C-alpha atoms as a PDB file:
ATOM      1  CA  UNK A   1     176.584  48.098 340.748  1.00  0.00           C
ATOM      2  CA  UNK A   2     174.753  47.597 337.257  1.00  0.00           C
ATOM      3  CA  UNK A   3     172.518  50.463 337.029  1.00  0.00           C
ATOM      4  CA  UNK A   4     171.077  49.887 333.559  1.00  0.00           C
ATOM      5  CA  UNK A   5     167.727  49.113 333.435  1.00  0.00           C
ATOM      6  CA  UNK A   6     166.319  45.705 333.465  1.00  0.00           C
ATOM      7  CA  UNK A   7     164.905  44.243 329.786  1.00  0.00           C
ATOM      8  CA  UNK A   8     161.629  43.870 331.218  1.00  0.00           C
ATOM      9  CA  UNK A   9     160.959  47.559 332.137  1.00  0.00           C
ATOM     10  CA  UNK A  10     161.801  48.747 328.867  1.00  0.00           C
ATOM     11  CA  UNK A  11     159.431  46.100 327.501  1.00  0.00           C
ATOM     12  CA  UNK A  12     156.665  47.290 329.582  1.00  0.00           C
ATOM     13  CA  UNK A  13     157.068  50.828 328.606  1.00  0.00           C
ATOM     14  CA  UNK A  14     157.538  49.967 325.095  1.00  0.00           C
ATOM     15  CA  UNK A  15     153.949  48.153 325.021  1.00  0.00           C
ATOM     16  CA  UNK A  16     152.240  50.811 326.872  1.00  0.00           C
ATOM     17  CA  UNK A  17     152.963  53.004 324.409  1.00  0.00           C
ATOM     18  CA  UNK A  18     152.179  50.947 321.875  1.00  0.00           C
ATOM     19  CA  UNK A  19     148.822  50.204 323.340  1.00  0.00           C
ATOM     20  CA  UNK A  20     148.234  54.079 323.539  1.00  0.00           C
ATOM     21  CA  UNK A  21     148.828  54.538 319.950  1.00  0.00           C
ATOM     22  CA  UNK A  22     147.092  51.456 318.587  1.00  0.00           C
ATOM     23  CA  UNK A  23     144.207  51.268 320.466  1.00  0.00           C
ATOM     24  CA  UNK A  24     143.601  54.983 321.730  1.00  0.00           C
ATOM     25  CA  UNK A  25     145.127  56.771 319.062  1.00  0.00           C
ATOM     26  CA  UNK A  26     147.266  59.040 320.982  1.00  0.00           C
ATOM     27  CA  UNK A  27     149.060  61.696 318.987  1.00  0.00           C
ATOM     28  CA  UNK A  28     152.922  61.591 319.139  1.00  0.00           C
ATOM     29  CA  UNK A  29     153.365  64.970 321.315  1.00  0.00           C
ATOM     30  CA  UNK A  30     150.763  62.857 323.795  1.00  0.00           C
ATOM     31  CA  UNK A  31     152.979  59.316 323.565  1.00  0.00           C
ATOM     32  CA  UNK A  32     156.178  61.483 323.760  1.00  0.00           C
ATOM     33  CA  UNK A  33     154.541  63.148 327.034  1.00  0.00           C
ATOM     34  CA  UNK A  34     153.517  59.584 328.782  1.00  0.00           C
ATOM     35  CA  UNK A  35     157.597  58.754 327.695  1.00  0.00           C
ATOM     36  CA  UNK A  36     158.922  61.588 329.730  1.00  0.00           C
ATOM     37  CA  UNK A  37     156.667  61.344 332.557  1.00  0.00           C
ATOM     38  CA  UNK A  38     157.145  57.612 333.296  1.00  0.00           C
ATOM     39  CA  UNK A  39     161.012  57.896 332.285  1.00  0.00           C
ATOM     40  CA  UNK A  40     161.485  60.765 335.213  1.00  0.00           C
ATOM     41  CA  UNK A  41     159.123  58.432 337.479  1.00  0.00           C
ATOM     42  CA  UNK A  42     161.381  55.249 336.724  1.00  0.00           C
ATOM     43  CA  UNK A  43     164.751  57.240 337.549  1.00  0.00           C
ATOM     44  CA  UNK A  44     162.886  58.562 340.945  1.00  0.00           C
ATOM     45  CA  UNK A  45     162.132  54.565 341.529  1.00  0.00           C
ATOM     46  CA  UNK A  46     165.687  53.506 340.491  1.00  0.00           C
ATOM     47  CA  UNK A  47     167.433  55.583 343.275  1.00  0.00           C
ATOM     48  CA  UNK A  48     164.602  54.174 345.731  1.00  0.00           C
ATOM     49  CA  UNK A  49     165.641  50.487 345.127  1.00  0.00           C
ATOM     50  CA  UNK A  50     162.484  49.636 343.090  1.00  0.00           C
ATOM     51  CA  UNK A  51     161.316  49.100 339.469  1.00  0.00           C
ATOM     52  CA  UNK A  52     158.546  50.973 337.680  1.00  0.00           C
ATOM     53  CA  UNK A  53     156.458  48.039 337.246  1.00  0.00           C
ATOM     54  CA  UNK A  54     156.673  46.460 340.615  1.00  0.00           C
ATOM     55  CA  UNK A  55     156.447  50.233 342.628  1.00  0.00           C
ATOM     56  CA  UNK A  56     154.748  50.523 345.744  1.00  0.00           C
ATOM     57  CA  UNK A  57     151.967  52.921 346.209  1.00  0.00           C
ATOM     58  CA  UNK A  58     153.566  54.284 349.345  1.00  0.00           C
ATOM     59  CA  UNK A  59     156.846  55.431 346.800  1.00  0.00           C
ATOM     60  CA  UNK A  60     154.447  56.775 344.202  1.00  0.00           C
ATOM     61  CA  UNK A  61     153.074  58.929 346.817  1.00  0.00           C
ATOM     62  CA  UNK A  62     156.248  60.230 347.706  1.00  0.00           C
ATOM     63  CA  UNK A  63     157.085  60.700 344.328  1.00  0.00           C
ATOM     64  CA  UNK A  64     153.747  63.517 343.594  1.00  0.00           C
ATOM     65  CA  UNK A  65     155.401  65.213 347.128  1.00  0.00           C
ATOM     66  CA  UNK A  66     159.017  65.089 345.378  1.00  0.00           C
ATOM     67  CA  UNK A  67     156.821  66.893 342.400  1.00  0.00           C
ATOM     68  CA  UNK A  68     154.968  69.257 344.758  1.00  0.00           C
ATOM     69  CA  UNK A  69     158.301  70.245 346.489  1.00  0.00           C
ATOM     70  CA  UNK A  70     159.657  71.168 343.251  1.00  0.00           C
ATOM     71  CA  UNK A  71     156.592  73.580 343.070  1.00  0.00           C
ATOM     72  CA  UNK A  72     155.653  72.491 339.832  1.00  0.00           C
ATOM     73  CA  UNK A  73     152.247  73.591 338.786  1.00  0.00           C
ATOM     74  CA  UNK A  74     149.372  71.811 339.609  1.00  0.00           C
ATOM     75  CA  UNK A  75     148.409  71.061 336.114  1.00  0.00           C
ATOM     76  CA  UNK A  76     151.830  69.220 335.413  1.00  0.00           C
ATOM     77  CA  UNK A  77     151.683  67.399 338.471  1.00  0.00           C
ATOM     78  CA  UNK A  78     148.010  66.208 337.467  1.00  0.00           C
ATOM     79  CA  UNK A  79     149.135  65.082 334.237  1.00  0.00           C
ATOM     80  CA  UNK A  80     152.326  62.998 335.808  1.00  0.00           C
ATOM     81  CA  UNK A  81     149.214  61.255 337.891  1.00  0.00           C
ATOM     82  CA  UNK A  82     147.239  60.859 334.688  1.00  0.00           C
ATOM     83  CA  UNK A  83     150.428  59.168 332.887  1.00  0.00           C
ATOM     84  CA  UNK A  84     150.721  56.280 336.395  1.00  0.00           C
ATOM     85  CA  UNK A  85     147.185  55.633 336.527  1.00  0.00           C
ATOM     86  CA  UNK A  86     147.226  54.663 332.505  1.00  0.00           C
ATOM     87  CA  UNK A  87     150.299  52.846 332.687  1.00  0.00           C
ATOM     88  CA  UNK A  88     149.113  50.720 336.109  1.00  0.00           C
ATOM     89  CA  UNK A  89     146.105  50.851 334.709  1.00  0.00           C
ATOM     90  CA  UNK A  90     147.719  48.749 331.456  1.00  0.00           C
ATOM     91  CA  UNK A  91     149.824  46.430 333.677  1.00  0.00           C
ATOM     92  CA  UNK A  92     146.635  45.408 335.638  1.00  0.00           C
ATOM     93  CA  UNK A  93     144.826  44.355 332.403  1.00  0.00           C
ATOM     94  CA  UNK A  94     147.609  42.645 330.947  1.00  0.00           C
ATOM     95  CA  UNK A  95     148.176  40.591 334.167  1.00  0.00           C
ATOM     96  CA  UNK A  96     151.846  41.954 334.525  1.00  0.00           C
ATOM     97  CA  UNK A  97     150.773  43.229 338.178  1.00  0.00           C
ATOM     98  CA  UNK A  98     147.962  42.137 340.319  1.00  0.00           C
ATOM     99  CA  UNK A  99     146.598  45.891 341.654  1.00  0.00           C
ATOM    100  CA  UNK A 100     147.129  49.462 340.510  1.00  0.00           C
ATOM    101  CA  UNK A 101     149.279  51.293 343.217  1.00  0.00           C
ATOM    102  CA  UNK A 102     148.359  54.740 341.466  1.00  0.00           C
ATOM    103  CA  UNK A 103     144.875  54.334 342.253  1.00  0.00           C
ATOM    104  CA  UNK A 104     144.170  55.975 345.489  1.00  0.00           C
ATOM    105  CA  UNK A 105     146.744  59.031 344.893  1.00  0.00           C
ATOM    106  CA  UNK A 106     144.865  62.200 345.570  1.00  0.00           C
ATOM    107  CA  UNK A 107     144.340  64.500 342.257  1.00  0.00           C
ATOM    108  CA  UNK A 108     146.358  67.885 342.324  1.00  0.00           C
ATOM    109  CA  UNK A 109     144.123  70.311 342.536  1.00  0.00           C
ATOM    110  CA  UNK A 110     144.226  72.750 339.665  1.00  0.00           C
ATOM    111  CA  UNK A 111     142.133  76.085 338.857  1.00  0.00           C
ATOM    112  CA  UNK A 112     141.159  75.931 335.209  1.00  0.00           C
ATOM    113  CA  UNK A 113     141.546  79.290 334.028  1.00  0.00           C
ATOM    114  CA  UNK A 114     137.974  80.398 331.833  1.00  0.00           C
ATOM    115  CA  UNK A 115     138.289  81.202 328.210  1.00  0.00           C
ATOM    116  CA  UNK A 116     138.788  84.239 326.875  1.00  0.00           C
ATOM    117  CA  UNK A 117     135.536  85.745 326.057  1.00  0.00           C
ATOM    118  CA  UNK A 118     133.976  87.371 322.849  1.00  0.00           C
ATOM    119  CA  UNK A 119     130.776  88.863 322.973  1.00  0.00           C
ATOM    120  CA  UNK A 120     128.577  88.182 319.908  1.00  0.00           C
ATOM    121  CA  UNK A 121     128.655  91.561 318.970  1.00  0.00           C
ATOM    122  CA  UNK A 122     132.646  91.459 318.618  1.00  0.00           C
ATOM    123  CA  UNK A 123     132.068  88.082 316.754  1.00  0.00           C
ATOM    124  CA  UNK A 124     129.838  89.347 314.202  1.00  0.00           C
ATOM    125  CA  UNK A 125     132.247  92.326 313.750  1.00  0.00           C
ATOM    126  CA  UNK A 126     135.099  89.644 312.995  1.00  0.00           C
ATOM    127  CA  UNK A 127     133.009  87.704 310.930  1.00  0.00           C
ATOM    128  CA  UNK A 128     131.863  91.376 308.982  1.00  0.00           C
ATOM    129  CA  UNK A 129     135.708  91.968 308.412  1.00  0.00           C
ATOM    130  CA  UNK A 130     136.048  88.868 306.149  1.00  0.00           C
ATOM    131  CA  UNK A 131     133.310  89.993 304.159  1.00  0.00           C
ATOM    132  CA  UNK A 132     135.177  93.673 303.991  1.00  0.00           C
ATOM    133  CA  UNK A 133     138.482  92.005 302.384  1.00  0.00           C
ATOM    134  CA  UNK A 134     139.290  93.565 298.996  1.00  0.00           C
ATOM    135  CA  UNK A 135     138.676  91.781 295.877  1.00  0.00           C
ATOM    136  CA  UNK A 136     139.450  93.760 293.133  1.00  0.00           C
ATOM    137  CA  UNK A 137     141.654  90.871 291.544  1.00  0.00           C
ATOM    138  CA  UNK A 138     140.798  87.103 291.292  1.00  0.00           C
ATOM    139  CA  UNK A 139     143.631  86.152 293.531  1.00  0.00           C
ATOM    140  CA  UNK A 140     141.896  88.914 296.459  1.00  0.00           C
ATOM    141  CA  UNK A 141     138.614  87.410 295.290  1.00  0.00           C
ATOM    142  CA  UNK A 142     139.798  83.716 296.379  1.00  0.00           C
ATOM    143  CA  UNK A 143     141.347  84.891 299.322  1.00  0.00           C
ATOM    144  CA  UNK A 144     138.549  86.684 300.502  1.00  0.00           C
ATOM    145  CA  UNK A 145     136.144  83.952 299.664  1.00  0.00           C
ATOM    146  CA  UNK A 146     138.198  81.337 301.334  1.00  0.00           C
ATOM    147  CA  UNK A 147     138.656  83.609 304.316  1.00  0.00           C
ATOM    148  CA  UNK A 148     134.295  83.914 304.599  1.00  0.00           C
ATOM    149  CA  UNK A 149     134.337  80.174 304.546  1.00  0.00           C
ATOM    150  CA  UNK A 150     137.115  79.369 307.500  1.00  0.00           C
ATOM    151  CA  UNK A 151     135.546  82.064 309.656  1.00  0.00           C
ATOM    152  CA  UNK A 152     131.908  81.013 309.102  1.00  0.00           C
ATOM    153  CA  UNK A 153     132.629  77.299 309.368  1.00  0.00           C
ATOM    154  CA  UNK A 154     134.658  77.907 312.542  1.00  0.00           C
ATOM    155  CA  UNK A 155     131.908  80.128 314.523  1.00  0.00           C
ATOM    156  CA  UNK A 156     129.004  77.814 313.218  1.00  0.00           C
ATOM    157  CA  UNK A 157     130.462  74.317 314.005  1.00  0.00           C
ATOM    158  CA  UNK A 158     133.425  75.072 317.049  1.00  0.00           C
ATOM    159  CA  UNK A 159     135.838  72.847 315.346  1.00  0.00           C
ATOM    160  CA  UNK A 160     139.400  72.820 316.786  1.00  0.00           C
ATOM    161  CA  UNK A 161     141.670  74.449 314.355  1.00  0.00           C
ATOM    162  CA  UNK A 162     143.480  71.362 313.239  1.00  0.00           C
ATOM    163  CA  UNK A 163     140.134  69.616 312.524  1.00  0.00           C
ATOM    164  CA  UNK A 164     139.348  72.942 310.227  1.00  0.00           C
ATOM    165  CA  UNK A 165     142.208  73.422 308.237  1.00  0.00           C
ATOM    166  CA  UNK A 166     142.274  69.564 307.831  1.00  0.00           C
ATOM    167  CA  UNK A 167     138.945  68.980 306.051  1.00  0.00           C
ATOM    168  CA  UNK A 168     138.474  66.881 303.333  1.00  0.00           C
ATOM    169  CA  UNK A 169     137.147  68.023 299.708  1.00  0.00           C
ATOM    170  CA  UNK A 170     134.212  66.382 300.076  1.00  0.00           C
ATOM    171  CA  UNK A 171     133.008  68.511 303.306  1.00  0.00           C
ATOM    172  CA  UNK A 172     132.141  71.153 300.226  1.00  0.00           C
ATOM    173  CA  UNK A 173     128.773  69.358 299.137  1.00  0.00           C
ATOM    174  CA  UNK A 174     126.692  71.647 298.872  1.00  0.00           C
ATOM    175  CA  UNK A 175     123.533  69.962 299.432  1.00  0.00           C
ATOM    176  CA  UNK A 176     124.712  68.748 303.149  1.00  0.00           C
ATOM    177  CA  UNK A 177     123.793  70.635 306.364  1.00  0.00           C
ATOM    178  CA  UNK A 178     126.293  69.293 308.679  1.00  0.00           C
ATOM    179  CA  UNK A 179     129.720  68.254 308.510  1.00  0.00           C
ATOM    180  CA  UNK A 180     131.177  65.036 309.731  1.00  0.00           C
ATOM    181  CA  UNK A 181     134.478  65.526 311.349  1.00  0.00           C
ATOM    182  CA  UNK A 182     136.891  63.082 312.651  1.00  0.00           C
ATOM    183  CA  UNK A 183     138.240  64.353 315.970  1.00  0.00           C
ATOM    184  CA  UNK A 184     140.567  63.169 318.441  1.00  0.00           C
ATOM    185  CA  UNK A 185     141.008  59.645 318.522  1.00  0.00           C
ATOM    186  CA  UNK A 186     139.830  59.099 315.027  1.00  0.00           C
ATOM    187  CA  UNK A 187     136.395  59.277 316.920  1.00  0.00           C
ATOM    188  CA  UNK A 188     133.623  60.915 314.206  1.00  0.00           C
ATOM    189  CA  UNK A 189     130.884  63.288 314.821  1.00  0.00           C
ATOM    190  CA  UNK A 190     128.167  65.421 313.268  1.00  0.00           C
ATOM    191  CA  UNK A 191     128.190  69.238 313.529  1.00  0.00           C
ATOM    192  CA  UNK A 192     125.187  70.748 311.979  1.00  0.00           C
ATOM    193  CA  UNK A 193     125.814  73.833 309.720  1.00  0.00           C
ATOM    194  CA  UNK A 194     124.123  77.436 310.176  1.00  0.00           C
ATOM    195  CA  UNK A 195     122.907  79.063 306.658  1.00  0.00           C
ATOM    196  CA  UNK A 196     125.986  81.396 306.303  1.00  0.00           C
ATOM    197  CA  UNK A 197     128.131  78.486 306.563  1.00  0.00           C
ATOM    198  CA  UNK A 198     126.355  76.330 304.228  1.00  0.00           C
ATOM    199  CA  UNK A 199     126.746  79.352 301.575  1.00  0.00           C
ATOM    200  CA  UNK A 200     130.340  80.372 302.438  1.00  0.00           C
ATOM    201  CA  UNK A 201     131.357  76.821 302.092  1.00  0.00           C
ATOM    202  CA  UNK A 202     129.228  76.517 298.529  1.00  0.00           C
ATOM    203  CA  UNK A 203     130.949  79.772 297.515  1.00  0.00           C
ATOM    204  CA  UNK A 204     134.438  78.409 298.285  1.00  0.00           C
ATOM    205  CA  UNK A 205     133.735  75.104 297.008  1.00  0.00           C
ATOM    206  CA  UNK A 206     133.789  76.851 293.213  1.00  0.00           C
ATOM    207  CA  UNK A 207     137.470  77.008 293.911  1.00  0.00           C
ATOM    208  CA  UNK A 208     138.146  73.636 295.391  1.00  0.00           C
ATOM    209  CA  UNK A 209     139.476  71.167 292.392  1.00  0.00           C
ATOM    210  CA  UNK A 210     138.323  67.778 291.946  1.00  0.00           C
ATOM    211  CA  UNK A 211     141.822  66.236 292.291  1.00  0.00           C
ATOM    212  CA  UNK A 212     142.309  67.858 295.575  1.00  0.00           C
ATOM    213  CA  UNK A 213     142.547  65.974 298.783  1.00  0.00           C
ATOM    214  CA  UNK A 214     141.593  68.736 300.976  1.00  0.00           C
ATOM    215  CA  UNK A 215     138.972  71.582 301.058  1.00  0.00           C
ATOM    216  CA  UNK A 216     141.386  74.204 302.054  1.00  0.00           C
ATOM    217  CA  UNK A 217     144.689  72.834 299.991  1.00  0.00           C
ATOM    218  CA  UNK A 218     148.024  74.612 300.298  1.00  0.00           C
ATOM    219  CA  UNK A 219     151.450  73.745 298.835  1.00  0.00           C
ATOM    220  CA  UNK A 220     153.316  72.968 302.077  1.00  0.00           C
ATOM    221  CA  UNK A 221     154.612  69.762 303.260  1.00  0.00           C
ATOM    222  CA  UNK A 222     150.830  68.743 304.657  1.00  0.00           C
ATOM    223  CA  UNK A 223     148.866  69.952 301.731  1.00  0.00           C
ATOM    224  CA  UNK A 224     146.373  72.202 303.515  1.00  0.00           C
ATOM    225  CA  UNK A 225     146.452  75.285 305.011  1.00  0.00           C
ATOM    226  CA  UNK A 226     148.466  75.136 308.043  1.00  0.00           C
ATOM    227  CA  UNK A 227     147.092  76.457 311.536  1.00  0.00           C
ATOM    228  CA  UNK A 228     150.108  79.299 311.749  1.00  0.00           C
ATOM    229  CA  UNK A 229     148.538  80.622 308.269  1.00  0.00           C
ATOM    230  CA  UNK A 230     145.013  80.505 309.809  1.00  0.00           C
ATOM    231  CA  UNK A 231     145.977  82.034 312.950  1.00  0.00           C
ATOM    232  CA  UNK A 232     147.292  85.052 310.790  1.00  0.00           C
ATOM    233  CA  UNK A 233     144.210  85.425 308.582  1.00  0.00           C
ATOM    234  CA  UNK A 234     141.984  85.583 312.006  1.00  0.00           C
ATOM    235  CA  UNK A 235     144.138  88.478 313.003  1.00  0.00           C
ATOM    236  CA  UNK A 236     144.475  90.358 309.821  1.00  0.00           C
ATOM    237  CA  UNK A 237     140.370  90.122 310.420  1.00  0.00           C
ATOM    238  CA  UNK A 238     140.756  91.152 314.054  1.00  0.00           C
ATOM    239  CA  UNK A 239     142.477  94.297 312.768  1.00  0.00           C
ATOM    240  CA  UNK A 240     139.649  95.132 309.936  1.00  0.00           C
ATOM    241  CA  UNK A 241     137.340  94.461 312.688  1.00  0.00           C
ATOM    242  CA  UNK A 242     139.110  96.818 315.272  1.00  0.00           C
ATOM    243  CA  UNK A 243     139.579  94.013 317.871  1.00  0.00           C
ATOM    244  CA  UNK A 244     142.817  93.399 319.508  1.00  0.00           C
ATOM    245  CA  UNK A 245     144.982  90.837 317.431  1.00  0.00           C
ATOM    246  CA  UNK A 246     146.212  89.901 321.341  1.00  0.00           C
ATOM    247  CA  UNK A 247     142.602  88.463 322.079  1.00  0.00           C
ATOM    248  CA  UNK A 248     142.185  86.715 318.975  1.00  0.00           C
ATOM    249  CA  UNK A 249     142.873  83.161 318.105  1.00  0.00           C
ATOM    250  CA  UNK A 250     141.148  80.072 316.762  1.00  0.00           C
ATOM    251  CA  UNK A 251     140.814  78.670 319.961  1.00  0.00           C
ATOM    252  CA  UNK A 252     138.925  81.954 321.027  1.00  0.00           C
ATOM    253  CA  UNK A 253     136.348  81.652 318.314  1.00  0.00           C
ATOM    254  CA  UNK A 254     135.947  78.013 319.353  1.00  0.00           C
ATOM    255  CA  UNK A 255     135.116  79.160 322.968  1.00  0.00           C
ATOM    256  CA  UNK A 256     132.979  81.737 321.723  1.00  0.00           C
ATOM    257  CA  UNK A 257     130.888  79.341 319.626  1.00  0.00           C
ATOM    258  CA  UNK A 258     130.167  77.057 323.052  1.00  0.00           C
ATOM    259  CA  UNK A 259     129.644  79.542 325.265  1.00  0.00           C
ATOM    260  CA  UNK A 260     127.375  81.659 323.206  1.00  0.00           C
ATOM    261  CA  UNK A 261     125.074  78.052 322.646  1.00  0.00           C
ATOM    262  CA  UNK A 262     125.112  77.819 326.419  1.00  0.00           C
ATOM    263  CA  UNK A 263     124.084  81.266 326.787  1.00  0.00           C
ATOM    264  CA  UNK A 264     121.202  80.991 324.846  1.00  0.00           C
ATOM    265  CA  UNK A 265     119.851  77.715 326.408  1.00  0.00           C
ATOM    266  CA  UNK A 266     121.618  74.925 324.184  1.00  0.00           C
ATOM    267  CA  UNK A 267     122.003  71.679 325.952  1.00  0.00           C
ATOM    268  CA  UNK A 268     125.125  71.144 327.801  1.00  0.00           C
ATOM    269  CA  UNK A 269     125.401  67.286 326.142  1.00  0.00           C
ATOM    270  CA  UNK A 270     124.683  68.509 322.658  1.00  0.00           C
ATOM    271  CA  UNK A 271     127.509  71.148 323.039  1.00  0.00           C
ATOM    272  CA  UNK A 272     129.897  68.124 324.296  1.00  0.00           C
ATOM    273  CA  UNK A 273     129.152  66.569 321.134  1.00  0.00           C
ATOM    274  CA  UNK A 274     129.665  69.405 318.777  1.00  0.00           C
ATOM    275  CA  UNK A 275     133.007  69.988 320.240  1.00  0.00           C
ATOM    276  CA  UNK A 276     134.038  66.543 320.477  1.00  0.00           C
ATOM    277  CA  UNK A 277     134.893  66.779 324.275  1.00  0.00           C
ATOM    278  CA  UNK A 278     134.951  63.286 325.290  1.00  0.00           C
ATOM    279  CA  UNK A 279     134.439  64.131 329.387  1.00  0.00           C
ATOM    280  CA  UNK A 280     131.120  66.467 329.789  1.00  0.00           C
ATOM    281  CA  UNK A 281     133.289  67.933 332.901  1.00  0.00           C
ATOM    282  CA  UNK A 282     135.579  69.627 330.069  1.00  0.00           C
ATOM    283  CA  UNK A 283     132.312  71.275 328.670  1.00  0.00           C
ATOM    284  CA  UNK A 284     131.100  72.329 331.920  1.00  0.00           C
ATOM    285  CA  UNK A 285     133.926  75.390 331.717  1.00  0.00           C
ATOM    286  CA  UNK A 286     131.201  77.296 329.992  1.00  0.00           C
ATOM    287  CA  UNK A 287     128.723  77.128 332.470  1.00  0.00           C
ATOM    288  CA  UNK A 288     131.139  78.464 334.755  1.00  0.00           C
ATOM    289  CA  UNK A 289     132.193  81.637 332.080  1.00  0.00           C
ATOM    290  CA  UNK A 290     128.407  82.487 332.172  1.00  0.00           C
ATOM    291  CA  UNK A 291     128.322  82.185 335.870  1.00  0.00           C
ATOM    292  CA  UNK A 292     131.243  84.764 336.219  1.00  0.00           C
ATOM    293  CA  UNK A 293     129.506  86.864 333.348  1.00  0.00           C
ATOM    294  CA  UNK A 294     126.384  87.159 335.351  1.00  0.00           C
ATOM    295  CA  UNK A 295     128.505  87.920 338.439  1.00  0.00           C
ATOM    296  CA  UNK A 296     130.349  90.837 336.787  1.00  0.00           C
ATOM    297  CA  UNK A 297     126.825  92.248 335.527  1.00  0.00           C
ATOM    298  CA  UNK A 298     125.471  92.227 338.788  1.00  0.00           C
ATOM    299  CA  UNK A 299     128.643  94.083 340.258  1.00  0.00           C
ATOM    300  CA  UNK A 300     128.573  96.469 337.614  1.00  0.00           C
ATOM    301  CA  UNK A 301     124.828  97.026 337.110  1.00  0.00           C
ATOM    302  CA  UNK A 302     122.702  95.873 340.555  1.00  0.00           C
ATOM    303  CA  UNK A 303     121.953  99.242 342.719  1.00  0.00           C
ATOM    304  CA  UNK A 304     122.789  97.398 345.898  1.00  0.00           C
ATOM    305  CA  UNK A 305     126.113  95.614 344.859  1.00  0.00           C
ATOM    306  CA  UNK A 306     127.344  99.512 345.626  1.00  0.00           C
ATOM    307  CA  UNK A 307     125.467 100.208 349.174  1.00  0.00           C
ATOM    308  CA  UNK A 308     128.648 101.456 350.550  1.00  0.00           C
ATOM    309  CA  UNK A 309     128.700 104.171 347.809  1.00  0.00           C
ATOM    310  CA  UNK A 310     124.977 105.050 348.540  1.00  0.00           C
ATOM    311  CA  UNK A 311     124.567 108.586 349.920  1.00  0.00           C
ATOM    312  CA  UNK A 312     122.237 109.447 352.680  1.00  0.00           C
ATOM    313  CA  UNK A 313     119.573 110.683 350.018  1.00  0.00           C
ATOM    314  CA  UNK A 314     119.687 107.551 348.311  1.00  0.00           C
ATOM    315  CA  UNK A 315     119.339 105.577 351.334  1.00  0.00           C
ATOM    316  CA  UNK A 316     116.183 103.366 349.993  1.00  0.00           C
ATOM    317  CA  UNK A 317     114.564 103.945 353.811  1.00  0.00           C
END
């Protein structure tokens, strides 16, 4: 028996990946994940005498059961399902099949972990550590001003670390009170700047040459400060602030930005837009963070939360 894949199968998958890259702006990592997920599904279907393009709904359900039996994490199984839904929706839209066999498959339940919390006071200490960096030499002064600009911008805007380190030089416009950020999928959004962030940006702008492409230019292959180097800078600030470096990362500061906004009554839709979330459900995790924080506060502070520990003399009756 010839086990080689039909040419049409390869063509359908290639067309799908081309569409995801061209129309949806999918990254190389995302495309690789789609290819890997669908190739694994294809192998399962081949063993059952079916093809990827003509798969039946009950066989796809059997595949999800197969993944579950492998004790795969629910989040990973959910990604596999998402890959299937995208692929078969594409085939249906292109007229390559009449239905979407993955449409009625149930999504695995995932328990999304709550983001690590950083209090406003801890965040203030982290930012303050940048202002305490040494400035005896010109090199130290430059590093200090850059660190201040990075941390002030990150906490003021909640940018993804890749968006922050890849900001273009013209972002240093001292007259602008907003940043125009190009995020995932090439989507642009405007994020307002706090006054400290505006000042830090203006100070750092004096060090940025007119011929630079990026705001945080560097000599490496990317042409700008790497994510890894910025993470190291944050670790240094954490030590200076008396915080555990294991708790601090660019993403934790992004979470702090969002959590503190929601905690102070910011509109969830506005926070969604500033974070660049495509779906409001992603932003809603910050309401769960606040609920968890309130529950902890009640458990620790409310007198009746420790009813079992009351003595007879403490009995309110």
